[in-house]
Structure formats: structure tokens, C-alpha cells
Protein backbone atom coordinates (compact mmCIF):
# COMPACT_ATOMS: atom_id res chain seq x y z
CA UNK A 1 86.68 131.68 55.59
CA UNK A 2 85.00 129.50 58.19
CA UNK A 3 84.10 130.80 61.64
CA UNK A 4 86.73 130.44 64.37
CA UNK A 5 85.51 130.54 67.99
CA UNK A 6 87.90 131.72 70.67
CA UNK A 7 86.97 131.21 74.31
CA UNK A 8 88.52 131.24 77.77
CA UNK A 9 89.91 127.90 78.89
CA UNK A 10 91.22 126.60 82.19
CA UNK A 11 94.11 128.50 83.79
CA UNK A 12 96.38 130.38 81.46
CA UNK A 13 94.97 128.97 78.23
CA UNK A 14 92.64 130.05 75.43
CA UNK A 15 90.36 127.61 73.56
CA UNK A 16 90.07 127.64 69.77
CA UNK A 17 87.41 125.68 67.92
CA UNK A 18 86.40 125.68 64.26
CA UNK A 19 84.88 123.44 61.62
CA UNK A 20 87.58 121.51 59.77
CA UNK A 21 89.56 123.73 57.45
CA UNK A 22 93.10 122.72 56.41
CA UNK A 23 94.33 126.33 56.24
CA UNK A 24 93.13 127.19 59.75
CA UNK A 25 94.44 123.88 61.06
CA UNK A 26 97.90 124.66 59.64
CA UNK A 27 97.83 128.08 61.31
CA UNK A 28 96.90 126.58 64.67
CA UNK A 29 99.52 123.85 64.37
CA UNK A 30 102.19 126.50 63.76
CA UNK A 31 101.61 127.91 67.26
CA UNK A 32 104.10 126.68 69.83
CA UNK A 33 102.59 125.07 72.92
CA UNK A 34 99.24 124.25 71.34
CA UNK A 35 97.22 121.29 72.64
CA UNK A 36 94.34 119.34 71.16
CA UNK A 37 91.48 118.00 73.28
CA UNK A 38 89.48 115.29 71.50
CA UNK A 39 86.46 115.39 73.77
CA UNK A 40 82.96 116.52 72.90
CA UNK A 41 84.17 119.92 71.77
CA UNK A 42 87.24 118.96 69.72
CA UNK A 43 89.07 122.00 70.96
CA UNK A 44 92.57 123.35 70.47
CA UNK A 45 94.09 125.37 73.27
CA UNK A 46 97.01 127.76 73.32
CA UNK A 47 98.77 129.65 76.07
CA UNK A 48 97.28 133.00 76.99
CA UNK A 49 100.67 134.43 76.02
CA UNK A 50 99.57 133.58 72.48
CA UNK A 51 96.44 135.68 72.82
CA UNK A 52 97.95 137.25 69.78
CA UNK A 53 96.33 134.40 67.84
CA UNK A 54 93.28 136.53 67.08
CA UNK A 55 95.48 139.38 65.91
CA UNK A 56 97.52 136.98 63.81
CA UNK A 57 94.42 135.64 62.06
CA UNK A 58 93.14 139.16 61.44
CA UNK A 59 96.53 140.34 60.23
CA UNK A 60 96.93 137.32 57.97
CA UNK A 61 93.61 138.10 56.30
CA UNK A 62 94.53 141.77 55.92
CA UNK A 63 97.87 140.88 54.30
CA UNK A 64 96.08 138.59 51.84
CA UNK A 65 93.57 141.28 50.95
CA UNK A 66 96.37 143.75 50.26
CA UNK A 67 98.15 141.27 47.97
CA UNK A 68 101.24 140.62 50.09
CA UNK A 69 103.20 137.52 49.05
CA UNK A 70 103.16 134.40 51.21
CA UNK A 71 106.78 135.02 52.27
CA UNK A 72 106.06 138.61 53.31
CA UNK A 73 102.99 137.48 55.24
CA UNK A 74 105.01 134.81 57.02
CA UNK A 75 107.68 137.36 57.94
CA UNK A 76 105.14 139.89 59.27
CA UNK A 77 103.25 137.26 61.25
CA UNK A 78 106.50 135.94 62.71
CA UNK A 79 107.49 139.41 63.90
CA UNK A 80 104.10 139.93 65.55
CA UNK A 81 104.24 136.53 67.23
CA UNK A 82 107.74 137.23 68.64
CA UNK A 83 106.64 140.67 69.86
CA UNK A 84 103.62 139.11 71.56
CA UNK A 85 105.77 136.51 73.33
CA UNK A 86 108.21 139.19 74.44
CA UNK A 87 105.74 141.71 75.88
CA UNK A 88 102.94 139.26 76.87
CA UNK A 89 100.29 141.97 76.60
CA UNK A 90 97.36 142.67 74.37
CA UNK A 91 98.57 144.80 71.45
CA UNK A 92 95.99 147.48 72.14
CA UNK A 93 97.59 148.04 75.56
CA UNK A 94 101.25 148.09 74.47
CA UNK A 95 102.79 151.54 74.88
CA UNK A 96 105.39 153.24 72.72
CA UNK A 97 107.95 152.77 75.50
CA UNK A 98 107.42 149.01 75.45
CA UNK A 99 107.81 148.96 71.67
CA UNK A 100 111.03 150.96 71.89
CA UNK A 101 112.25 148.58 74.60
CA UNK A 102 111.57 145.66 72.27
CA UNK A 103 113.52 147.32 69.46
CA UNK A 104 116.45 147.94 71.84
CA UNK A 105 116.22 144.31 72.95
CA UNK A 106 116.50 143.18 69.33
CA UNK A 107 119.47 145.45 68.65
CA UNK A 108 121.43 145.07 71.91
CA UNK A 109 120.58 141.70 73.46
CA UNK A 110 119.76 139.49 70.49
CA UNK A 111 122.09 141.39 68.11
CA UNK A 112 119.85 141.26 65.05
CA UNK A 113 120.86 143.24 61.97
CA UNK A 114 119.46 146.68 61.32
CA UNK A 115 117.51 145.44 58.29
CA UNK A 116 115.82 142.77 60.45
CA UNK A 117 114.87 145.42 63.01
CA UNK A 118 113.56 147.66 60.22
CA UNK A 119 111.33 144.78 59.08
CA UNK A 120 110.04 144.48 62.63
CA UNK A 121 109.29 148.22 62.80
CA UNK A 122 107.45 148.02 59.46
CA UNK A 123 105.38 145.16 60.87
CA UNK A 124 104.53 147.12 64.02
CA UNK A 125 103.53 150.11 61.90
CA UNK A 126 101.32 147.93 59.69
CA UNK A 127 99.64 146.51 62.79
CA UNK A 128 99.15 149.95 64.32
CA UNK A 129 97.95 151.74 61.20
CA UNK A 130 95.85 149.09 59.48
CA UNK A 131 94.50 146.83 62.23
CA UNK A 132 94.46 148.87 65.43
CA UNK A 133 93.77 152.19 63.67
CA UNK A 134 96.17 153.91 66.07
CA UNK A 135 98.87 155.56 63.91
CA UNK A 136 100.31 157.60 66.79
CA UNK A 137 101.63 154.49 68.53
CA UNK A 138 104.10 153.56 65.80
CA UNK A 139 104.70 156.89 64.08
CA UNK A 140 107.53 157.88 66.44
CA UNK A 141 109.39 154.57 66.40
CA UNK A 142 112.98 155.35 65.39
CA UNK A 143 114.58 153.23 62.71
CA UNK A 144 118.23 152.26 63.03
CA UNK A 145 120.58 153.70 60.44
CA UNK A 146 121.50 151.45 57.56
CA UNK A 147 124.65 149.52 58.33
CA UNK A 148 127.62 150.37 56.13
CA UNK A 149 129.92 147.52 55.33
CA UNK A 150 133.42 148.10 54.11
CA UNK A 151 134.35 146.34 50.88
CA UNK A 152 136.90 143.55 50.94
CA UNK A 153 140.26 144.80 49.79
CA UNK A 154 142.54 142.27 48.15
CA UNK A 155 146.22 142.29 49.00
CA UNK A 156 148.89 142.54 46.31
CA UNK A 157 149.80 138.94 46.90
CA UNK A 158 146.21 137.66 46.43
CA UNK A 159 145.85 139.72 43.22
CA UNK A 160 149.10 138.27 41.90
CA UNK A 161 147.93 134.72 42.68
CA UNK A 162 144.58 135.42 41.02
CA UNK A 163 146.18 136.76 37.82
CA UNK A 164 148.76 133.99 37.57
CA UNK A 165 146.01 131.35 37.77
CA UNK A 166 144.46 132.62 34.56
CA UNK A 167 145.49 130.25 31.77
CA UNK A 168 144.02 132.00 28.74
CA UNK A 169 146.33 134.85 27.57
CA UNK A 170 143.32 136.90 26.36
CA UNK A 171 141.99 137.12 29.91
CA UNK A 172 145.25 138.25 31.51
CA UNK A 173 145.61 141.93 32.30
């Protein structure tokens, strides 16, 4: 992979420069709020809130090395990007309380399903264990219980209509 340079930019922005590479360009273009400066430097800039860019690149490479599918990688990277926008801190400085607050935010305010939140927790654990080498941060994150859904029960009337619609006598009860 080609070298990506990340530098401080004016105000609340971070500069990203790299020799042309379609894969890196696609990654940068996927970041919301990015800007391109076509001056001497040919520099992309992103909001400092997306300082997670470096972590995203590193995590993307790690997921590829471990053989994760493209869909799984996209899901993991999306979770990390949303977490970064929510907490607006460097991941190395995020405490367990902040992570638990984020999980509660997903469950209570945004009303995501328990399986979605479990995916998010798995992503946080992957980040903590494999990239930050800090397993204690994510080891105590509680997972929500699996949601139980009641089966649909058909009424007598709907069963009768279903059976009477069957034309072939072999298929009738």
C-alpha cells in the first residue's frame, strides 16, 4: 500500500495527502465533509472529528489481513466511524463509561435492534483487542440479551380461508 501522510491543517481540519491510488481515494471520498485542495500540495482535508481516519485505515488493513469479507469490513468500519462522530475523541482516550454511554444511546435514543448493538460491541472489542492492545477497555462491555419475538398466530378464520383457496384435492388437509 502506498504511503499516506496525515498532517495538521487550518482550524479544525486534518490534511491527507498520498500518491494516486484508487483504493485510498475511494476511502477518502467515503468520508463525509471531506474537501480537496488542488494547489501545490493536492491535499484532501477532513474535519478533526474524523481523526478516526487513521484508525479506520489501520483497522481496514487489519480486517483484510485477517480475511474478513468486504461486507464485514464495511460494517466494522461504519461502526467505528459512527462511534468516532458520537464521542469526538481519540479512541485511545475513550473510557469504558463513554463506551457504555454510546451503547445506551444506541439502544434508548436511536432504538437500534439488539443484534445491531451486538455488532457494534464486537467492533469495539476488535478495535480494543487487536489495534489498541487494551483488552480491559472492552472486556466489561455488557451485551444486550437476544430479543425474543413471538410467532405469528393465525386465526381460525385465516386458516379456513387459506385451506379453501387450495384447488388441488391432494394438498387439502
